[in-house]
Amino acid sequence: FTGLRIGASTAKGLAQGLNIPIVAVPS
């Protein structure tokens, strides 16, 4: 749970700042 939240927040911050898409890959 903690790892997923860290990965999600990192990706969302980068993607939003760069205005690029995220692709969700099932673990």
PDB file of all heavy atoms in Angstrom:
ATOM      1  N   PHE A   1       0.827  -1.202   0.000  1.00  0.00           N
ATOM      2  CA  PHE A   1       0.000   0.000   0.000  1.00  0.00           C
ATOM      3  C   PHE A   1       0.863   1.255   0.000  1.00  0.00           C
ATOM      4  O   PHE A   1       0.628   2.180  -0.778  1.00  0.00           O
ATOM      5  CB  PHE A   1      -0.937   0.001   1.220  1.00  0.00           C
ATOM      6  CG  PHE A   1      -2.070  -0.971   1.107  1.00  0.00           C
ATOM      7  CD1 PHE A   1      -1.886  -2.312   1.387  1.00  0.00           C
ATOM      8  CD2 PHE A   1      -3.321  -0.551   0.700  1.00  0.00           C
ATOM      9  CE1 PHE A   1      -2.926  -3.223   1.267  1.00  0.00           C
ATOM     10  CE2 PHE A   1      -4.370  -1.444   0.583  1.00  0.00           C
ATOM     11  CZ  PHE A   1      -4.173  -2.782   0.868  1.00  0.00           C
ATOM     12  N   THR A   2       1.875   1.263   0.861  1.00  0.00           N
ATOM     13  CA  THR A   2       2.751   2.432   0.931  1.00  0.00           C
ATOM     14  C   THR A   2       3.522   2.601  -0.363  1.00  0.00           C
ATOM     15  O   THR A   2       3.623   3.710  -0.904  1.00  0.00           O
ATOM     16  CB  THR A   2       3.726   2.295   2.116  1.00  0.00           C
ATOM     17  OG1 THR A   2       2.989   2.142   3.335  1.00  0.00           O
ATOM     18  CG2 THR A   2       4.621   3.513   2.223  1.00  0.00           C
ATOM     19  N   GLY A   3       4.081   1.520  -0.874  1.00  0.00           N
ATOM     20  CA  GLY A   3       4.839   1.592  -2.113  1.00  0.00           C
ATOM     21  C   GLY A   3       4.013   2.079  -3.280  1.00  0.00           C
ATOM     22  O   GLY A   3       4.461   2.908  -4.086  1.00  0.00           O
ATOM     23  N   LEU A   4       2.781   1.567  -3.399  1.00  0.00           N
ATOM     24  CA  LEU A   4       1.914   1.990  -4.493  1.00  0.00           C
ATOM     25  C   LEU A   4       1.580   3.473  -4.395  1.00  0.00           C
ATOM     26  O   LEU A   4       1.534   4.186  -5.399  1.00  0.00           O
ATOM     27  CB  LEU A   4       0.623   1.167  -4.492  1.00  0.00           C
ATOM     28  CG  LEU A   4       0.764  -0.296  -4.904  1.00  0.00           C
ATOM     29  CD1 LEU A   4      -0.548  -1.037  -4.701  1.00  0.00           C
ATOM     30  CD2 LEU A   4       1.207  -0.414  -6.363  1.00  0.00           C
ATOM     31  N   ARG A   5       1.343   3.945  -3.185  1.00  0.00           N
ATOM     32  CA  ARG A   5       1.020   5.366  -3.010  1.00  0.00           C
ATOM     33  C   ARG A   5       2.203   6.247  -3.374  1.00  0.00           C
ATOM     34  O   ARG A   5       2.034   7.304  -3.984  1.00  0.00           O
ATOM     35  CB  ARG A   5       0.573   5.615  -1.564  1.00  0.00           C
ATOM     36  CG  ARG A   5      -0.812   5.052  -1.274  1.00  0.00           C
ATOM     37  CD  ARG A   5      -1.162   5.171   0.197  1.00  0.00           C
ATOM     38  NE  ARG A   5      -2.477   4.580   0.475  1.00  0.00           N
ATOM     39  CZ  ARG A   5      -2.787   3.887   1.551  1.00  0.00           C
ATOM     40  NH1 ARG A   5      -1.867   3.677   2.472  1.00  0.00           N
ATOM     41  NH2 ARG A   5      -3.996   3.404   1.722  1.00  0.00           N
ATOM     42  N   ILE A   6       3.400   5.817  -3.006  1.00  0.00           N
ATOM     43  CA  ILE A   6       4.592   6.593  -3.347  1.00  0.00           C
ATOM     44  C   ILE A   6       4.781   6.627  -4.863  1.00  0.00           C
ATOM     45  O   ILE A   6       5.041   7.680  -5.451  1.00  0.00           O
ATOM     46  CB  ILE A   6       5.834   6.004  -2.649  1.00  0.00           C
ATOM     47  CG1 ILE A   6       5.732   6.211  -1.135  1.00  0.00           C
ATOM     48  CG2 ILE A   6       7.115   6.637  -3.190  1.00  0.00           C
ATOM     49  CD1 ILE A   6       6.740   5.422  -0.336  1.00  0.00           C
ATOM     50  N   GLY A   7       4.645   5.480  -5.503  1.00  0.00           N
ATOM     51  CA  GLY A   7       4.779   5.426  -6.957  1.00  0.00           C
ATOM     52  C   GLY A   7       3.720   6.259  -7.656  1.00  0.00           C
ATOM     53  O   GLY A   7       4.006   6.973  -8.629  1.00  0.00           O
ATOM     54  N   ALA A   8       2.482   6.184  -7.163  1.00  0.00           N
ATOM     55  CA  ALA A   8       1.381   6.932  -7.772  1.00  0.00           C
ATOM     56  C   ALA A   8       1.587   8.434  -7.628  1.00  0.00           C
ATOM     57  O   ALA A   8       1.411   9.195  -8.587  1.00  0.00           O
ATOM     58  CB  ALA A   8       0.055   6.515  -7.144  1.00  0.00           C
ATOM     59  N   SER A   9       1.966   8.873  -6.429  1.00  0.00           N
ATOM     60  CA  SER A   9       2.150  10.313  -6.215  1.00  0.00           C
ATOM     61  C   SER A   9       3.324  10.839  -7.031  1.00  0.00           C
ATOM     62  O   SER A   9       3.258  11.956  -7.583  1.00  0.00           O
ATOM     63  CB  SER A   9       2.344  10.611  -4.730  1.00  0.00           C
ATOM     64  OG  SER A   9       3.502   9.966  -4.223  1.00  0.00           O
ATOM     65  N   THR A  10       4.386  10.040  -7.149  1.00  0.00           N
ATOM     66  CA  THR A  10       5.530  10.439  -7.967  1.00  0.00           C
ATOM     67  C   THR A  10       5.126  10.577  -9.431  1.00  0.00           C
ATOM     68  O   THR A  10       5.427  11.579 -10.090  1.00  0.00           O
ATOM     69  CB  THR A  10       6.673   9.418  -7.837  1.00  0.00           C
ATOM     70  OG1 THR A  10       7.076   9.316  -6.471  1.00  0.00           O
ATOM     71  CG2 THR A  10       7.865   9.812  -8.696  1.00  0.00           C
ATOM     72  N   ALA A  11       4.423   9.571  -9.945  1.00  0.00           N
ATOM     73  CA  ALA A  11       4.002   9.583 -11.345  1.00  0.00           C
ATOM     74  C   ALA A  11       3.010  10.705 -11.628  1.00  0.00           C
ATOM     75  O   ALA A  11       3.119  11.402 -12.647  1.00  0.00           O
ATOM     76  CB  ALA A  11       3.384   8.232 -11.708  1.00  0.00           C
ATOM     77  N   LYS A  12       2.058  10.880 -10.740  1.00  0.00           N
ATOM     78  CA  LYS A  12       1.043  11.909 -10.953  1.00  0.00           C
ATOM     79  C   LYS A  12       1.670  13.307 -10.939  1.00  0.00           C
ATOM     80  O   LYS A  12       1.320  14.167 -11.748  1.00  0.00           O
ATOM     81  CB  LYS A  12      -0.055  11.800  -9.887  1.00  0.00           C
ATOM     82  CG  LYS A  12      -0.973  10.610 -10.096  1.00  0.00           C
ATOM     83  CD  LYS A  12      -1.822  10.319  -8.869  1.00  0.00           C
ATOM     84  CE  LYS A  12      -2.943  11.313  -8.674  1.00  0.00           C
ATOM     85  NZ  LYS A  12      -4.059  11.078  -9.611  1.00  0.00           N
ATOM     86  N   GLY A  13       2.616  13.531 -10.022  1.00  0.00           N
ATOM     87  CA  GLY A  13       3.281  14.829  -9.968  1.00  0.00           C
ATOM     88  C   GLY A  13       4.060  15.117 -11.237  1.00  0.00           C
ATOM     89  O   GLY A  13       3.972  16.218 -11.797  1.00  0.00           O
ATOM     90  N   LEU A  14       4.820  14.119 -11.698  1.00  0.00           N
ATOM     91  CA  LEU A  14       5.596  14.299 -12.925  1.00  0.00           C
ATOM     92  C   LEU A  14       4.691  14.485 -14.141  1.00  0.00           C
ATOM     93  O   LEU A  14       4.900  15.385 -14.960  1.00  0.00           O
ATOM     94  CB  LEU A  14       6.521  13.096 -13.143  1.00  0.00           C
ATOM     95  CG  LEU A  14       7.750  12.991 -12.245  1.00  0.00           C
ATOM     96  CD1 LEU A  14       8.426  11.634 -12.435  1.00  0.00           C
ATOM     97  CD2 LEU A  14       8.741  14.110 -12.559  1.00  0.00           C
ATOM     98  N   ALA A  15       3.685  13.620 -14.275  1.00  0.00           N
ATOM     99  CA  ALA A  15       2.823  13.664 -15.447  1.00  0.00           C
ATOM    100  C   ALA A  15       2.029  14.968 -15.517  1.00  0.00           C
ATOM    101  O   ALA A  15       1.853  15.546 -16.596  1.00  0.00           O
ATOM    102  CB  ALA A  15       1.866  12.472 -15.436  1.00  0.00           C
ATOM    103  N   GLN A  16       1.564  15.430 -14.376  1.00  0.00           N
ATOM    104  CA  GLN A  16       0.799  16.671 -14.356  1.00  0.00           C
ATOM    105  C   GLN A  16       1.694  17.857 -14.711  1.00  0.00           C
ATOM    106  O   GLN A  16       1.299  18.735 -15.489  1.00  0.00           O
ATOM    107  CB  GLN A  16       0.171  16.873 -12.985  1.00  0.00           C
ATOM    108  CG  GLN A  16      -0.842  18.018 -12.941  1.00  0.00           C
ATOM    109  CD  GLN A  16      -1.706  17.961 -11.701  1.00  0.00           C
ATOM    110  OE1 GLN A  16      -1.412  17.230 -10.758  1.00  0.00           O
ATOM    111  NE2 GLN A  16      -2.772  18.735 -11.690  1.00  0.00           N
ATOM    112  N   GLY A  17       2.886  17.878 -14.143  1.00  0.00           N
ATOM    113  CA  GLY A  17       3.800  18.979 -14.424  1.00  0.00           C
ATOM    114  C   GLY A  17       4.258  19.009 -15.873  1.00  0.00           C
ATOM    115  O   GLY A  17       4.468  20.084 -16.447  1.00  0.00           O
ATOM    116  N   LEU A  18       4.404  17.830 -16.476  1.00  0.00           N
ATOM    117  CA  LEU A  18       4.873  17.736 -17.857  1.00  0.00           C
ATOM    118  C   LEU A  18       3.728  17.677 -18.870  1.00  0.00           C
ATOM    119  O   LEU A  18       3.965  17.727 -20.082  1.00  0.00           O
ATOM    120  CB  LEU A  18       5.745  16.481 -18.024  1.00  0.00           C
ATOM    121  CG  LEU A  18       7.033  16.436 -17.195  1.00  0.00           C
ATOM    122  CD1 LEU A  18       7.648  15.042 -17.249  1.00  0.00           C
ATOM    123  CD2 LEU A  18       8.036  17.487 -17.694  1.00  0.00           C
ATOM    124  N   ASN A  19       2.499  17.513 -18.371  1.00  0.00           N
ATOM    125  CA  ASN A  19       1.316  17.384 -19.226  1.00  0.00           C
ATOM    126  C   ASN A  19       1.451  16.202 -20.194  1.00  0.00           C
ATOM    127  O   ASN A  19       1.251  16.328 -21.406  1.00  0.00           O
ATOM    128  CB  ASN A  19       1.056  18.677 -20.005  1.00  0.00           C
ATOM    129  CG  ASN A  19      -0.339  18.687 -20.635  1.00  0.00           C
ATOM    130  OD1 ASN A  19      -1.277  18.066 -20.129  1.00  0.00           O
ATOM    131  ND2 ASN A  19      -0.482  19.397 -21.743  1.00  0.00           N
ATOM    132  N   ILE A  20       1.820  15.042 -19.622  1.00  0.00           N
ATOM    133  CA  ILE A  20       1.950  13.822 -20.420  1.00  0.00           C
ATOM    134  C   ILE A  20       1.082  12.728 -19.795  1.00  0.00           C
ATOM    135  O   ILE A  20       0.716  12.812 -18.620  1.00  0.00           O
ATOM    136  CB  ILE A  20       3.413  13.344 -20.512  1.00  0.00           C
ATOM    137  CG1 ILE A  20       3.988  13.088 -19.106  1.00  0.00           C
ATOM    138  CG2 ILE A  20       4.263  14.355 -21.272  1.00  0.00           C
ATOM    139  CD1 ILE A  20       5.410  12.516 -19.121  1.00  0.00           C
ATOM    140  N   PRO A  21       0.721  11.700 -20.568  1.00  0.00           N
ATOM    141  CA  PRO A  21      -0.159  10.660 -20.042  1.00  0.00           C
ATOM    142  C   PRO A  21       0.533   9.660 -19.132  1.00  0.00           C
ATOM    143  O   PRO A  21       1.752   9.470 -19.207  1.00  0.00           O
ATOM    144  CB  PRO A  21      -0.677   9.961 -21.313  1.00  0.00           C
ATOM    145  CG  PRO A  21       0.425  10.159 -22.312  1.00  0.00           C
ATOM    146  CD  PRO A  21       1.005  11.516 -22.008  1.00  0.00           C
ATOM    147  N   ILE A  22      -0.273   9.034 -18.294  1.00  0.00           N
ATOM    148  CA  ILE A  22       0.156   7.896 -17.481  1.00  0.00           C
ATOM    149  C   ILE A  22      -0.478   6.640 -18.059  1.00  0.00           C
ATOM    150  O   ILE A  22      -1.650   6.643 -18.446  1.00  0.00           O
ATOM    151  CB  ILE A  22      -0.271   8.068 -16.015  1.00  0.00           C
ATOM    152  CG1 ILE A  22       0.540   9.168 -15.335  1.00  0.00           C
ATOM    153  CG2 ILE A  22      -0.113   6.761 -15.230  1.00  0.00           C
ATOM    154  CD1 ILE A  22       0.131   9.458 -13.905  1.00  0.00           C
ATOM    155  N   VAL A  23       0.293   5.572 -18.106  1.00  0.00           N
ATOM    156  CA  VAL A  23      -0.240   4.262 -18.492  1.00  0.00           C
ATOM    157  C   VAL A  23      -0.180   3.364 -17.262  1.00  0.00           C
ATOM    158  O   VAL A  23       0.900   3.130 -16.710  1.00  0.00           O
ATOM    159  CB  VAL A  23       0.567   3.624 -19.635  1.00  0.00           C
ATOM    160  CG1 VAL A  23      -0.098   2.322 -20.079  1.00  0.00           C
ATOM    161  CG2 VAL A  23       0.702   4.585 -20.808  1.00  0.00           C
ATOM    162  N   ALA A  24      -1.329   2.900 -16.802  1.00  0.00           N
ATOM    163  CA  ALA A  24      -1.402   2.022 -15.637  1.00  0.00           C
ATOM    164  C   ALA A  24      -1.132   0.591 -16.072  1.00  0.00           C
ATOM    165  O   ALA A  24      -1.877   0.031 -16.891  1.00  0.00           O
ATOM    166  CB  ALA A  24      -2.768   2.136 -14.981  1.00  0.00           C
ATOM    167  N   VAL A  25      -0.084  -0.014 -15.544  1.00  0.00           N
ATOM    168  CA  VAL A  25       0.269  -1.407 -15.858  1.00  0.00           C
ATOM    169  C   VAL A  25      -0.015  -2.252 -14.617  1.00  0.00           C
ATOM    170  O   VAL A  25       0.584  -2.016 -13.565  1.00  0.00           O
ATOM    171  CB  VAL A  25       1.754  -1.522 -16.244  1.00  0.00           C
ATOM    172  CG1 VAL A  25       2.138  -2.990 -16.459  1.00  0.00           C
ATOM    173  CG2 VAL A  25       2.049  -0.703 -17.496  1.00  0.00           C
ATOM    174  N   PRO A  26      -0.934  -3.209 -14.696  1.00  0.00           N
ATOM    175  CA  PRO A  26      -1.172  -4.075 -13.541  1.00  0.00           C
ATOM    176  C   PRO A  26       0.138  -4.695 -13.044  1.00  0.00           C
ATOM    177  O   PRO A  26       0.928  -5.206 -13.843  1.00  0.00           O
ATOM    178  CB  PRO A  26      -2.133  -5.130 -14.086  1.00  0.00           C
ATOM    179  CG  PRO A  26      -2.842  -4.441 -15.218  1.00  0.00           C
ATOM    180  CD  PRO A  26      -1.807  -3.555 -15.829  1.00  0.00           C
ATOM    181  N   SER A  27       0.359  -4.635 -11.746  1.00  0.00           N
ATOM    182  CA  SER A  27       1.648  -5.057 -11.181  1.00  0.00           C
ATOM    183  C   SER A  27       2.035  -6.474 -11.590  1.00  0.00           C
ATOM    184  O   SER A  27       3.196  -6.746 -11.924  1.00  0.00           O
ATOM    185  CB  SER A  27       1.609  -4.973  -9.649  1.00  0.00           C
ATOM    186  OG  SER A  27       1.460  -3.655  -9.215  1.00  0.00           O
TER     187      SER A  27
END
